[in-house]
Amino acid sequence: MAIFNYTAIKNGSEQVKGKLSAATIKEARAQIRENGLIPVQITEENLAKSVKEGNEKSKIQKLSPLSLGEKIDLTSSLQILIQAGIPTVEALMFLENDAAKAKLRNTAQEVRRQIIAGSTLADTLAKYPDIFGYVYIGLVKAGEESGELEITLERLLDLLKKQSAIKGKVIGTLMYPIFVIILAIVVSLVMLIFVFPAFREMFEMQGAELPFITEIFMNSGEFLKMYWPVIPITFIAFTALCITIKKWKPAKNVFDRVILKVPLVSNLIMYSNFANFMSVLQVSYDAGVPIVDSLYLSVITLTNDKLQQKIGMAIDKVKQGQQLSVALKSESVMPKMLLFMVATGEQSGKLGEMLKQAVSFLDKKLDAIIDTMTKLIEPIMLVVIGSIVLVMALALYLPLFQSYMQS
C-alpha cells in the first residue's frame, strides 16, 4: 500500500486536499470519487516529495491570468498541432517560440518545462486552477486518460467558443442600457452643477418664490459644486457595494434569489447559466467522464447561487441512485423542455445526442430572449431619458412661466 496526496473539488467549486492509502493511483482515484469528490491531482507521497524538491530548485513560474480569448487561442493551436501528430512537448515548444502574445509564450514554456520534468499535461494545468479552471483541467485529464487528447481538445475548443459567444450576447444586451444610464447621469450632473446655479441670480432678481422642484435642483447643484468630492466618493462606494455583493456569499445569495424574480431578466440569467451548464455536461459526457463527475464539472459554470444550490442537491440524488432527469425535476429549477430531453436521452440510451439537442435548444432560446430584451430596452430607455429631460426642463422653466403669469 502507498500513501497518496490528492487535490479534489468538493460541492462543485471548493478545493480540498488530503491523503489516503491505496494500492494504485487508480484505486486512490476511485476512493476519492466514492467520497463525493472530483479528483484533480493525485501524487504518490514519495514522488510528491521529490517533485516538491525539484520545484524548490527550479521554482515554478507564476503565470499571468489568461482571458477567455487567449485560452481559445492556446487550445486551438494545441488541438491543431496534436491532431497533426506532433507530440505535446513539441507543440508547446512551437507555441513558446511563435505564439503572438507574450502571456501565451510564457504559459507554453512553463507547461512544457514541467512536462519534461515528468508531469502530465493535466497535472501541470492542475497547478494553475485560477488560470485554466476546473472544467478545463478535468476535461484535459479525461482526454489523457482515454488516449483521445486531440478529440477532447476539439470538444473543449467548441465549448470555449460557445461560452465566449454566450458571454458576448449577454454583455452586448446589457451594454446599451448601461451606456445610456451612464450618459444620463453625466448629463444630469452637468445640468445640476453648471446650468441651474447660473440661473439662480436671474430668478432671485424676479423676486418670485421658486417652485419646490426648482429649489431642490438649485440646492443640489450648489451642494455638488461646493462639495464635488462627493461625486467620486459615491461612485467608489457604489462600486465597492457591487464588489461586496459579488464576493460576500450571503449578499450574493440574496441578490441571486431576487434577480431570478425579475421578469425577462430572470430568463436571461437562467438560460445563459443553463446554456453553459449543458454545454459542459455534453462535452464532458462525450469525453467519457462519469455522469456524476460530469455534473460536478458542469455545476461549476453556474454563476447564480440559487441555481448552483438546486443543481447541487440534484447531483446528490443522482449519487444516491436516482435518474438524472428525475433528480433535476425534483428541484423544480430547470425548464421543462430540457427535462424532457434529458429523460428521453436516458430512456433511449442516447443521452449524449439529446444533450447536444438541448444545447442547440438553449442557444435558440437565448437568442430569442436577447432579441426580445433588445426590442424592449430601446423604448424603456427613451422613456427614462425623456422623463429626465422633462423634469429638468420643468424645473428650469417653471419660474419663468410663473413670472410671466404674474406680470
Protein backbone atom coordinates (compact mmCIF):
# COMPACT_ATOMS: atom_id res chain seq x y z
CA MET A 1 0.00 0.00 0.00
CA ALA A 2 1.22 3.50 -0.82
CA ILE A 3 0.29 6.91 0.54
CA PHE A 4 -1.16 9.36 -1.99
CA ASN A 5 -1.59 13.12 -1.68
CA TYR A 6 -4.59 14.45 -3.59
CA THR A 7 -6.31 17.68 -4.60
CA ALA A 8 -10.03 17.43 -5.39
CA ILE A 9 -13.18 19.50 -5.88
CA LYS A 10 -15.95 19.40 -3.27
CA ASN A 11 -19.52 20.62 -3.86
CA GLY A 12 -18.71 21.72 -7.38
CA SER A 13 -16.32 24.57 -6.50
CA GLU A 14 -14.46 24.13 -3.19
CA GLN A 15 -10.90 22.82 -3.46
CA VAL A 16 -9.81 20.30 -0.82
CA LYS A 17 -6.51 18.50 -0.17
CA GLY A 18 -5.78 15.31 1.72
CA LYS A 19 -4.02 11.95 1.97
CA LEU A 20 -5.19 8.37 1.59
CA SER A 21 -3.79 4.86 1.45
CA ALA A 22 -4.26 2.76 -1.71
CA ALA A 23 -2.50 0.08 -3.75
CA THR A 24 -2.54 2.02 -7.03
CA ILE A 25 -3.35 5.50 -8.25
CA LYS A 26 -6.48 4.09 -9.94
CA GLU A 27 -7.73 2.74 -6.60
CA ALA A 28 -6.94 6.09 -4.96
CA ARG A 29 -8.99 7.89 -7.60
CA ALA A 30 -11.92 5.51 -7.00
CA GLN A 31 -11.78 6.15 -3.23
CA ILE A 32 -11.85 9.92 -3.79
CA ARG A 33 -14.89 9.65 -6.06
CA GLU A 34 -16.68 7.44 -3.51
CA ASN A 35 -16.32 10.31 -1.03
CA GLY A 36 -18.20 12.63 -3.38
CA LEU A 37 -15.12 14.47 -4.63
CA ILE A 38 -13.74 15.07 -8.11
CA PRO A 39 -10.01 14.19 -8.23
CA VAL A 40 -7.92 16.91 -9.85
CA GLN A 41 -4.40 15.84 -8.93
CA ILE A 42 -3.12 12.62 -7.26
CA THR A 43 0.55 12.08 -6.44
CA GLU A 44 2.30 9.32 -4.54
CA GLU A 45 3.82 10.84 -1.38
CA ASN A 46 7.41 9.84 -2.10
CA LEU A 47 7.04 11.10 -5.64
CA ALA A 48 5.40 14.28 -4.37
CA LYS A 49 8.37 14.93 -2.09
CA SER A 50 10.83 14.56 -4.95
CA VAL A 51 8.69 16.78 -7.18
CA LYS A 52 8.49 19.36 -4.41
CA GLU A 53 12.26 19.30 -4.00
CA GLY A 54 12.65 19.68 -7.75
CA ASN A 55 10.20 22.57 -7.77
CA GLU A 56 12.10 24.29 -4.98
CA LYS A 57 15.23 24.10 -7.11
CA SER A 58 13.60 25.16 -10.35
CA LYS A 59 10.92 27.45 -8.83
CA ILE A 60 7.61 27.07 -10.66
CA GLN A 61 6.97 30.25 -12.57
CA LYS A 62 3.90 32.26 -11.65
CA LEU A 63 1.77 32.59 -14.78
CA SER A 64 -0.35 35.55 -15.80
CA PRO A 65 -4.13 35.03 -16.00
CA LEU A 66 -5.49 34.17 -19.44
CA SER A 67 -8.62 35.71 -20.87
CA LEU A 68 -11.25 33.50 -22.49
CA GLY A 69 -10.00 34.57 -25.93
CA GLU A 70 -6.41 33.68 -25.02
CA LYS A 71 -7.49 30.25 -23.77
CA ILE A 72 -9.28 29.73 -27.08
CA ASP A 73 -6.09 30.63 -28.97
CA LEU A 74 -3.97 28.30 -26.80
CA THR A 75 -6.42 25.40 -27.08
CA SER A 76 -6.91 25.88 -30.83
CA SER A 77 -3.16 25.82 -31.51
CA LEU A 78 -2.60 22.77 -29.31
CA GLN A 79 -5.52 20.91 -30.87
CA ILE A 80 -4.35 21.54 -34.44
CA LEU A 81 -0.74 20.54 -33.71
CA ILE A 82 -1.58 17.41 -31.67
CA GLN A 83 -4.18 16.30 -34.24
CA ALA A 84 -1.43 16.59 -36.88
CA GLY A 85 0.59 14.00 -34.94
CA ILE A 86 3.00 16.41 -33.26
CA PRO A 87 3.88 15.37 -29.66
CA THR A 88 2.57 17.62 -26.88
CA VAL A 89 6.06 18.81 -25.88
CA GLU A 90 6.92 19.84 -29.45
CA ALA A 91 3.53 21.53 -29.85
CA LEU A 92 4.20 23.56 -26.71
CA MET A 93 7.69 24.41 -27.98
CA PHE A 94 6.13 25.78 -31.18
CA LEU A 95 3.78 27.97 -29.09
CA GLU A 96 6.68 29.02 -26.88
CA ASN A 97 8.55 30.33 -29.91
CA ASP A 98 5.78 31.56 -32.21
CA ALA A 99 2.67 32.47 -30.18
CA ALA A 100 1.53 36.05 -30.86
CA LYS A 101 1.18 37.08 -27.20
CA ALA A 102 3.87 37.01 -24.52
CA LYS A 103 1.43 35.50 -21.99
CA LEU A 104 0.82 32.51 -24.25
CA ARG A 105 4.55 32.06 -24.87
CA ASN A 106 5.29 32.13 -21.12
CA THR A 107 2.45 29.69 -20.39
CA ALA A 108 3.61 27.24 -23.08
CA GLN A 109 7.20 27.49 -21.81
CA GLU A 110 6.27 26.71 -18.21
CA VAL A 111 3.88 23.87 -19.09
CA ARG A 112 6.47 22.31 -21.42
CA ARG A 113 9.17 22.56 -18.76
CA GLN A 114 7.05 20.74 -16.19
CA ILE A 115 6.04 18.01 -18.66
CA ILE A 116 9.72 17.40 -19.46
CA ALA A 117 10.32 17.14 -15.69
CA GLY A 118 7.90 14.19 -15.55
CA SER A 119 4.44 15.73 -15.05
CA THR A 120 1.44 15.11 -17.30
CA LEU A 121 -0.34 17.92 -19.13
CA ALA A 122 -3.40 17.68 -16.88
CA ASP A 123 -1.34 17.55 -13.67
CA THR A 124 0.61 20.61 -14.81
CA LEU A 125 -2.57 22.54 -15.59
CA ALA A 126 -3.99 21.45 -12.21
CA LYS A 127 -1.29 23.57 -10.53
CA TYR A 128 -2.94 26.64 -12.05
CA PRO A 129 -6.69 26.27 -11.33
CA ASP A 130 -7.18 30.05 -11.21
CA ILE A 131 -5.88 30.35 -14.77
CA PHE A 132 -7.39 27.33 -16.53
CA GLY A 133 -10.37 26.48 -14.30
CA TYR A 134 -11.51 23.07 -13.05
CA VAL A 135 -13.63 22.36 -16.14
CA TYR A 136 -10.66 22.81 -18.47
CA ILE A 137 -8.39 20.73 -16.22
CA GLY A 138 -10.97 17.97 -15.75
CA LEU A 139 -11.61 17.59 -19.48
CA VAL A 140 -7.90 17.54 -20.35
CA LYS A 141 -7.40 14.86 -17.68
CA ALA A 142 -10.24 12.80 -19.16
CA GLY A 143 -8.69 13.15 -22.63
CA GLU A 144 -5.29 11.99 -21.43
CA GLU A 145 -6.73 9.03 -19.53
CA SER A 146 -8.80 7.92 -22.54
CA GLY A 147 -5.95 8.43 -25.01
CA GLU A 148 -8.07 10.86 -27.04
CA LEU A 149 -6.48 14.16 -26.07
CA GLU A 150 -6.79 15.70 -29.54
CA ILE A 151 -10.53 14.86 -29.69
CA THR A 152 -11.07 16.21 -26.19
CA LEU A 153 -9.22 19.42 -27.07
CA GLU A 154 -11.50 19.82 -30.09
CA ARG A 155 -14.56 19.42 -27.85
CA LEU A 156 -13.02 21.80 -25.32
CA LEU A 157 -12.38 24.35 -28.06
CA ASP A 158 -16.04 24.17 -29.15
CA LEU A 159 -17.06 24.61 -25.52
CA LEU A 160 -14.85 27.68 -25.02
CA LYS A 161 -16.15 29.25 -28.23
CA LYS A 162 -19.73 28.62 -27.14
CA GLN A 163 -19.06 30.18 -23.72
CA SER A 164 -17.45 33.16 -25.44
CA ALA A 165 -20.50 33.54 -27.70
CA ILE A 166 -22.91 33.39 -24.73
CA LYS A 167 -20.82 35.91 -22.79
CA GLY A 168 -20.72 38.21 -25.83
CA LYS A 169 -24.51 38.01 -26.27
CA VAL A 170 -25.22 38.85 -22.62
CA ILE A 171 -22.67 41.70 -22.50
CA GLY A 172 -23.94 43.07 -25.82
CA THR A 173 -27.51 43.11 -24.49
CA LEU A 174 -26.56 44.93 -21.28
CA MET A 175 -24.09 47.34 -22.88
CA TYR A 176 -26.69 49.67 -24.41
CA PRO A 177 -28.75 50.35 -21.25
CA ILE A 178 -25.58 50.73 -19.15
CA PHE A 179 -24.19 53.28 -21.62
CA VAL A 180 -27.47 55.21 -21.67
CA ILE A 181 -27.69 55.23 -17.85
CA ILE A 182 -24.10 56.50 -17.51
CA LEU A 183 -24.74 59.17 -20.16
CA ALA A 184 -27.92 60.26 -18.35
CA ILE A 185 -26.04 60.54 -15.04
CA VAL A 186 -23.25 62.62 -16.63
CA VAL A 187 -25.71 64.98 -18.36
CA SER A 188 -27.74 65.35 -15.15
CA LEU A 189 -24.61 66.20 -13.15
CA VAL A 190 -23.55 68.82 -15.73
CA MET A 191 -27.02 70.39 -15.60
CA LEU A 192 -27.09 70.43 -11.79
CA ILE A 193 -23.55 71.73 -11.25
CA PHE A 194 -23.24 74.29 -14.08
CA VAL A 195 -26.66 75.16 -15.56
CA PHE A 196 -29.04 75.50 -12.60
CA PRO A 197 -26.73 77.63 -10.38
CA ALA A 198 -26.23 80.02 -13.34
CA PHE A 199 -29.97 80.81 -13.36
CA ARG A 200 -30.27 81.45 -9.59
CA GLU A 201 -29.30 85.13 -9.77
CA MET A 202 -31.81 85.77 -12.55
CA PHE A 203 -34.60 84.05 -10.64
CA GLU A 204 -33.77 85.98 -7.45
CA MET A 205 -33.96 89.29 -9.34
CA GLN A 206 -37.54 88.43 -10.28
CA GLY A 207 -38.35 88.24 -6.57
CA ALA A 208 -40.76 85.36 -7.00
CA GLU A 209 -40.71 82.26 -4.83
CA LEU A 210 -39.10 79.35 -6.64
CA PRO A 211 -41.11 76.15 -7.24
CA PHE A 212 -40.27 73.26 -4.95
CA ILE A 213 -38.66 71.14 -7.70
CA THR A 214 -36.52 74.07 -8.92
CA GLU A 215 -35.36 74.81 -5.37
CA ILE A 216 -34.30 71.18 -4.92
CA PHE A 217 -32.25 71.18 -8.14
CA MET A 218 -30.70 74.58 -7.34
CA ASN A 219 -29.63 73.48 -3.85
CA SER A 220 -28.40 70.12 -5.13
CA GLY A 221 -26.31 71.79 -7.83
CA GLU A 222 -24.72 74.25 -5.39
CA PHE A 223 -24.02 71.45 -2.93
CA LEU A 224 -22.32 69.31 -5.58
CA LYS A 225 -20.36 72.31 -6.87
CA MET A 226 -19.12 73.11 -3.37
CA TYR A 227 -18.55 69.52 -2.26
CA TRP A 228 -17.61 67.94 -5.60
CA PRO A 229 -15.57 65.09 -3.91
CA VAL A 230 -18.96 63.60 -3.01
CA ILE A 231 -19.33 62.50 -6.66
CA PRO A 232 -16.22 60.24 -6.90
CA ILE A 233 -16.79 59.05 -3.32
CA THR A 234 -20.34 57.99 -4.23
CA PHE A 235 -19.06 56.25 -7.36
CA ILE A 236 -16.36 54.40 -5.37
CA ALA A 237 -18.88 53.44 -2.67
CA PHE A 238 -21.31 52.10 -5.29
CA THR A 239 -18.51 50.11 -6.96
CA ALA A 240 -17.44 48.71 -3.57
CA LEU A 241 -21.06 47.73 -2.85
CA CYS A 242 -21.27 45.85 -6.16
CA ILE A 243 -17.98 44.05 -5.45
CA THR A 244 -19.20 43.17 -1.94
CA ILE A 245 -22.45 41.76 -3.29
CA LYS A 246 -20.46 39.70 -5.80
CA LYS A 247 -17.89 38.35 -3.33
CA TRP A 248 -19.72 38.22 0.01
CA LYS A 249 -21.63 34.96 -0.02
CA PRO A 250 -24.75 35.99 1.99
CA ALA A 251 -25.21 39.19 -0.06
CA LYS A 252 -24.70 37.37 -3.37
CA ASN A 253 -27.13 34.66 -2.29
CA VAL A 254 -29.86 37.23 -1.60
CA PHE A 255 -29.14 39.13 -4.84
CA ASP A 256 -29.18 35.93 -6.92
CA ARG A 257 -32.55 34.92 -5.47
CA VAL A 258 -34.05 38.37 -6.07
CA ILE A 259 -32.76 38.65 -9.66
CA LEU A 260 -34.50 35.38 -10.57
CA LYS A 261 -37.84 37.04 -9.74
CA VAL A 262 -37.35 39.98 -12.12
CA PRO A 263 -39.39 39.40 -15.32
CA LEU A 264 -37.38 38.79 -18.51
CA VAL A 265 -34.05 39.39 -16.72
CA SER A 266 -34.62 36.12 -14.86
CA ASN A 267 -34.97 34.31 -18.20
CA LEU A 268 -31.71 35.82 -19.45
CA ILE A 269 -29.88 34.75 -16.26
CA MET A 270 -31.43 31.28 -16.19
CA TYR A 271 -30.97 30.36 -19.85
CA SER A 272 -27.42 31.76 -20.07
CA ASN A 273 -26.49 29.74 -16.96
CA PHE A 274 -28.07 26.55 -18.25
CA ALA A 275 -26.53 27.06 -21.70
CA ASN A 276 -23.07 26.89 -20.10
CA PHE A 277 -24.15 24.03 -17.81
CA MET A 278 -25.48 21.86 -20.64
CA SER A 279 -22.52 22.61 -22.90
CA VAL A 280 -20.02 21.39 -20.29
CA LEU A 281 -22.22 18.39 -19.42
CA GLN A 282 -22.43 17.36 -23.07
CA VAL A 283 -18.70 17.79 -23.75
CA SER A 284 -17.56 16.01 -20.57
CA TYR A 285 -20.08 13.17 -21.06
CA ASP A 286 -18.89 12.66 -24.65
CA ALA A 287 -15.30 12.67 -23.39
CA GLY A 288 -16.09 9.62 -21.24
CA VAL A 289 -16.23 11.38 -17.86
CA PRO A 290 -18.64 9.55 -15.47
CA ILE A 291 -22.03 11.27 -15.22
CA VAL A 292 -21.57 12.41 -11.59
CA ASP A 293 -18.15 13.88 -12.33
CA SER A 294 -19.59 15.50 -15.47
CA LEU A 295 -22.31 17.09 -13.35
CA TYR A 296 -19.76 18.39 -10.84
CA LEU A 297 -17.74 19.94 -13.65
CA SER A 298 -20.90 21.44 -15.15
CA VAL A 299 -22.23 22.95 -11.93
CA ILE A 300 -19.01 25.00 -11.59
CA THR A 301 -20.12 27.08 -14.59
CA LEU A 302 -23.34 28.23 -12.87
CA THR A 303 -22.86 31.81 -11.66
CA ASN A 304 -26.20 32.11 -9.87
CA ASP A 305 -26.02 30.75 -6.31
CA LYS A 306 -29.64 29.60 -6.17
CA LEU A 307 -29.30 27.62 -9.40
CA GLN A 308 -25.99 26.17 -8.21
CA GLN A 309 -27.52 25.05 -4.89
CA LYS A 310 -30.53 23.45 -6.58
CA ILE A 311 -28.43 21.58 -9.13
CA GLY A 312 -26.04 20.56 -6.34
CA MET A 313 -28.95 18.91 -4.47
CA ALA A 314 -29.95 17.13 -7.68
CA ILE A 315 -26.38 15.80 -8.06
CA ASP A 316 -26.56 14.38 -4.53
CA LYS A 317 -29.72 12.49 -5.55
CA VAL A 318 -28.00 11.15 -8.69
CA LYS A 319 -25.19 9.86 -6.46
CA GLN A 320 -27.81 8.03 -4.39
CA GLY A 321 -29.07 6.21 -7.50
CA GLN A 322 -31.80 8.44 -8.93
CA GLN A 323 -32.04 9.02 -12.66
CA LEU A 324 -30.66 12.38 -13.75
CA SER A 325 -33.98 13.58 -15.20
CA VAL A 326 -35.89 12.61 -12.02
CA ALA A 327 -33.34 14.31 -9.78
CA LEU A 328 -33.39 17.53 -11.83
CA LYS A 329 -37.19 17.54 -11.99
CA SER A 330 -37.47 17.20 -8.20
CA GLU A 331 -35.65 20.53 -7.71
CA SER A 332 -38.10 22.44 -9.99
CA VAL A 333 -35.45 24.76 -11.38
CA MET A 334 -34.71 23.55 -14.92
CA PRO A 335 -37.01 24.37 -17.87
CA LYS A 336 -39.43 21.55 -18.70
CA MET A 337 -38.17 21.19 -22.27
CA LEU A 338 -34.66 20.42 -21.00
CA LEU A 339 -36.03 17.88 -18.52
CA PHE A 340 -37.97 16.19 -21.32
CA MET A 341 -34.84 15.97 -23.49
CA VAL A 342 -32.73 14.52 -20.67
CA ALA A 343 -35.46 11.98 -19.83
CA THR A 344 -35.77 10.99 -23.50
CA GLY A 345 -32.00 10.54 -23.76
CA GLU A 346 -31.91 8.30 -20.69
CA GLN A 347 -34.81 6.15 -21.87
CA SER A 348 -33.45 5.75 -25.40
CA GLY A 349 -29.84 5.25 -24.32
CA LYS A 350 -28.79 8.28 -26.38
CA LEU A 351 -28.15 10.80 -23.62
CA GLY A 352 -25.14 12.32 -25.40
CA GLU A 353 -27.19 13.00 -28.54
CA MET A 354 -30.05 14.55 -26.55
CA LEU A 355 -27.63 16.74 -24.62
CA LYS A 356 -26.45 18.13 -27.98
CA GLN A 357 -30.08 18.82 -28.88
CA ALA A 358 -30.55 20.52 -25.50
CA VAL A 359 -27.54 22.78 -26.15
CA SER A 360 -28.98 23.72 -29.57
CA PHE A 361 -32.39 24.43 -28.00
CA LEU A 362 -30.79 26.68 -25.35
CA ASP A 363 -28.85 28.62 -27.99
CA LYS A 364 -32.05 29.37 -29.91
CA LYS A 365 -33.96 30.21 -26.73
CA LEU A 366 -31.21 32.56 -25.54
CA ASP A 367 -31.15 34.31 -28.93
CA ALA A 368 -34.93 34.82 -28.71
CA ILE A 369 -34.70 36.24 -25.17
CA ILE A 370 -31.89 38.62 -26.15
CA ASP A 371 -33.85 39.75 -29.23
CA THR A 372 -36.93 40.44 -27.07
CA MET A 373 -34.88 42.33 -24.48
CA THR A 374 -33.19 44.43 -27.17
CA LYS A 375 -36.57 45.44 -28.58
CA LEU A 376 -37.91 46.32 -25.11
CA ILE A 377 -34.81 48.15 -23.87
CA GLU A 378 -34.90 50.86 -26.56
CA PRO A 379 -38.41 52.23 -25.74
CA ILE A 380 -37.74 51.87 -22.00
CA MET A 381 -34.53 53.90 -22.32
CA LEU A 382 -36.36 56.53 -24.39
CA VAL A 383 -38.99 56.86 -21.65
CA VAL A 384 -36.28 57.14 -18.96
CA ILE A 385 -34.27 59.77 -20.86
CA GLY A 386 -37.44 61.63 -21.82
CA SER A 387 -38.58 61.70 -18.19
CA ILE A 388 -35.23 63.09 -17.02
CA VAL A 389 -35.28 65.80 -19.71
CA LEU A 390 -38.92 66.67 -18.92
CA VAL A 391 -38.32 67.02 -15.16
CA MET A 392 -35.22 69.19 -15.64
CA ALA A 393 -36.94 71.35 -18.26
CA LEU A 394 -39.91 71.89 -15.93
CA ALA A 395 -37.57 72.77 -13.05
CA LEU A 396 -35.76 75.31 -15.25
CA TYR A 397 -38.74 76.94 -16.96
CA LEU A 398 -41.44 76.88 -14.25
CA PRO A 399 -40.07 80.07 -12.59
CA LEU A 400 -40.13 81.82 -15.97
CA PHE A 401 -43.74 80.75 -16.57
CA GLN A 402 -44.69 81.93 -13.06
CA SER A 403 -43.15 85.37 -13.56
CA TYR A 404 -44.83 85.66 -16.96
CA MET A 405 -48.23 84.79 -15.47
CA GLN A 406 -47.76 87.26 -12.57
CA SER A 407 -46.82 90.04 -14.93
